[in-house]
Protein backbone atom coordinates (compact mmCIF):
# COMPACT_ATOMS: atom_id res chain seq x y z
CA MET A 1 -13.29 -2.43 40.76
CA PRO A 2 -13.46 -2.42 36.90
CA THR A 3 -15.74 -4.98 35.33
CA TYR A 4 -12.98 -6.68 33.30
CA LEU A 5 -10.98 -7.29 36.43
CA ARG A 6 -13.87 -9.01 38.11
CA ALA A 7 -14.37 -11.23 35.05
CA LEU A 8 -10.75 -12.25 34.83
CA PRO A 9 -10.78 -15.09 37.49
CA SER A 10 -13.78 -16.74 35.74
CA MET A 11 -12.08 -16.39 32.36
CA MET A 12 -8.80 -17.89 33.74
CA LEU A 13 -10.65 -20.77 35.36
CA ALA A 14 -12.50 -21.63 32.10
CA LEU A 15 -9.18 -21.60 30.31
CA VAL A 16 -7.48 -23.84 32.84
CA LEU A 17 -10.29 -26.29 32.63
CA ALA A 18 -9.74 -26.53 28.95
CA ALA A 19 -5.97 -27.22 29.32
CA GLY A 20 -4.52 -29.31 26.65
CA CYS A 21 -7.40 -28.78 24.20
CA GLN A 22 -7.07 -26.60 21.15
CA SER A 23 -9.66 -23.97 20.63
CA VAL A 24 -11.40 -23.10 17.37
CA THR A 25 -8.65 -20.51 16.73
CA GLY A 26 -6.04 -23.24 16.90
CA GLN A 27 -4.49 -21.91 20.09
CA THR A 28 -3.76 -24.10 23.08
CA ALA A 29 -5.30 -23.24 26.42
CA GLY A 30 -1.86 -21.96 27.53
CA GLU A 31 -1.72 -19.64 24.54
CA LEU A 32 -5.18 -18.31 25.30
CA VAL A 33 -4.21 -17.68 28.94
CA ASP A 34 -1.07 -15.80 27.77
CA ASP A 35 -3.11 -13.65 25.38
CA ALA A 36 -5.78 -12.98 28.04
CA THR A 37 -3.03 -11.99 30.47
CA ILE A 38 -1.37 -9.57 27.94
CA THR A 39 -4.83 -8.04 27.11
CA SER A 40 -5.63 -7.61 30.79
CA SER A 41 -2.20 -6.05 31.48
CA VAL A 42 -2.49 -3.58 28.64
CA LYS A 43 -6.00 -2.59 29.69
CA THR A 44 -4.89 -2.15 33.36
CA LYS A 45 -1.98 0.05 32.25
CA LEU A 46 -4.23 2.17 29.97
CA THR A 47 -6.71 2.61 32.79
CA ALA A 48 -4.01 3.84 35.06
CA GLU A 49 -2.74 6.24 32.42
CA ARG A 50 -6.04 7.61 31.00
CA PRO A 51 -9.11 6.39 32.87
CA ARG A 52 -11.57 8.51 30.92
CA ASN A 53 -10.35 7.30 27.51
CA ILE A 54 -10.09 3.57 28.31
CA ALA A 55 -13.64 2.92 26.99
CA ALA A 56 -12.56 4.33 23.64
CA ILE A 57 -9.60 1.98 23.26
CA GLY A 58 -10.24 -1.74 22.58
CA VAL A 59 -7.37 -4.25 23.20
CA ASP A 60 -7.26 -7.70 21.65
CA THR A 61 -4.39 -10.10 21.66
CA GLU A 62 -3.90 -13.23 19.52
CA ASN A 63 -0.74 -15.24 19.49
CA GLY A 64 1.07 -12.41 21.28
CA VAL A 65 0.09 -9.76 18.74
CA VAL A 66 -1.66 -6.84 20.51
CA VAL A 67 -4.20 -4.96 18.39
CA LEU A 68 -5.39 -1.45 19.65
CA THR A 69 -8.77 -0.18 18.25
CA GLY A 70 -10.89 2.83 18.72
CA GLN A 71 -10.38 6.52 19.05
CA VAL A 72 -8.14 8.94 20.94
CA GLU A 73 -8.17 12.68 21.19
CA THR A 74 -4.58 13.32 20.04
CA LEU A 75 -1.57 11.91 18.20
CA ALA A 76 0.30 11.91 21.55
CA GLN A 77 -2.39 9.69 23.14
CA ARG A 78 -2.19 7.36 20.22
CA GLN A 79 1.60 7.07 20.55
CA ARG A 80 1.33 6.65 24.37
CA ALA A 81 -1.16 3.80 24.01
CA GLU A 82 1.28 2.00 21.64
CA GLN A 83 4.10 2.59 24.14
CA ILE A 84 2.03 1.17 26.97
CA ALA A 85 1.23 -1.90 24.88
CA GLN A 86 4.87 -2.41 24.02
CA SER A 87 5.88 -2.19 27.69
CA THR A 88 3.73 -5.20 28.45
CA SER A 89 5.46 -8.48 29.08
CA GLY A 90 4.90 -11.28 26.58
CA PHE A 91 3.81 -9.26 23.53
CA LYS A 92 5.31 -10.14 20.14
CA ARG A 93 4.29 -6.98 18.33
CA VAL A 94 1.71 -4.19 18.44
CA VAL A 95 -0.65 -3.14 15.71
CA ASN A 96 -2.05 0.33 16.29
CA PRO A 97 -4.79 1.61 13.90
CA LEU A 98 -6.17 3.93 16.62
CA GLN A 99 -7.99 6.86 15.02
CA ILE A 100 -7.57 10.43 16.07
CA GLN A 101 -10.80 12.16 16.64
CA GLY A 102 -11.74 14.66 13.99
CA GLN A 103 -9.23 13.19 11.44
CA PRO A 104 -10.42 11.04 8.44
CA ALA A 105 -9.69 7.34 8.74
CA ALA A 106 -6.44 6.25 7.12
CA SER A 107 -5.16 2.91 6.20
CA PRO A 108 -3.77 1.17 9.21
CA PRO A 109 -0.09 1.81 9.99
CA PRO A 110 2.32 -1.24 9.64
CA ALA A 111 2.70 -3.29 12.72
CA THR A 112 5.74 -2.52 14.88
CA THR A 113 8.76 -4.65 14.44
CA PRO A 114 8.77 -7.95 16.49
CA ARG A 115 10.96 -8.28 19.54
């Protein structure tokens, strides 16, 4: 079982215990749980799609905005990672500055349009 799946119950329990409190980011416990759920779902889908590349793609979610980071081998993989994130329930938009290996870093693309 992947490490992040084993850590998920502990993270969820900690967030439930903090219910009603606001974190230092200004999010409520419910918002943090929603963001953690979105992040976990995207990572799970990415693992199912491309297990060998998951370590190269970071996923972070804040207030429903999913940010993908890291490197992929091809433009098609970059586009597929964005499609996977967009297929996840609860996201508001996806920011995809994934770099393609062997290509110079470019300025990040604009975020996709909100749903």
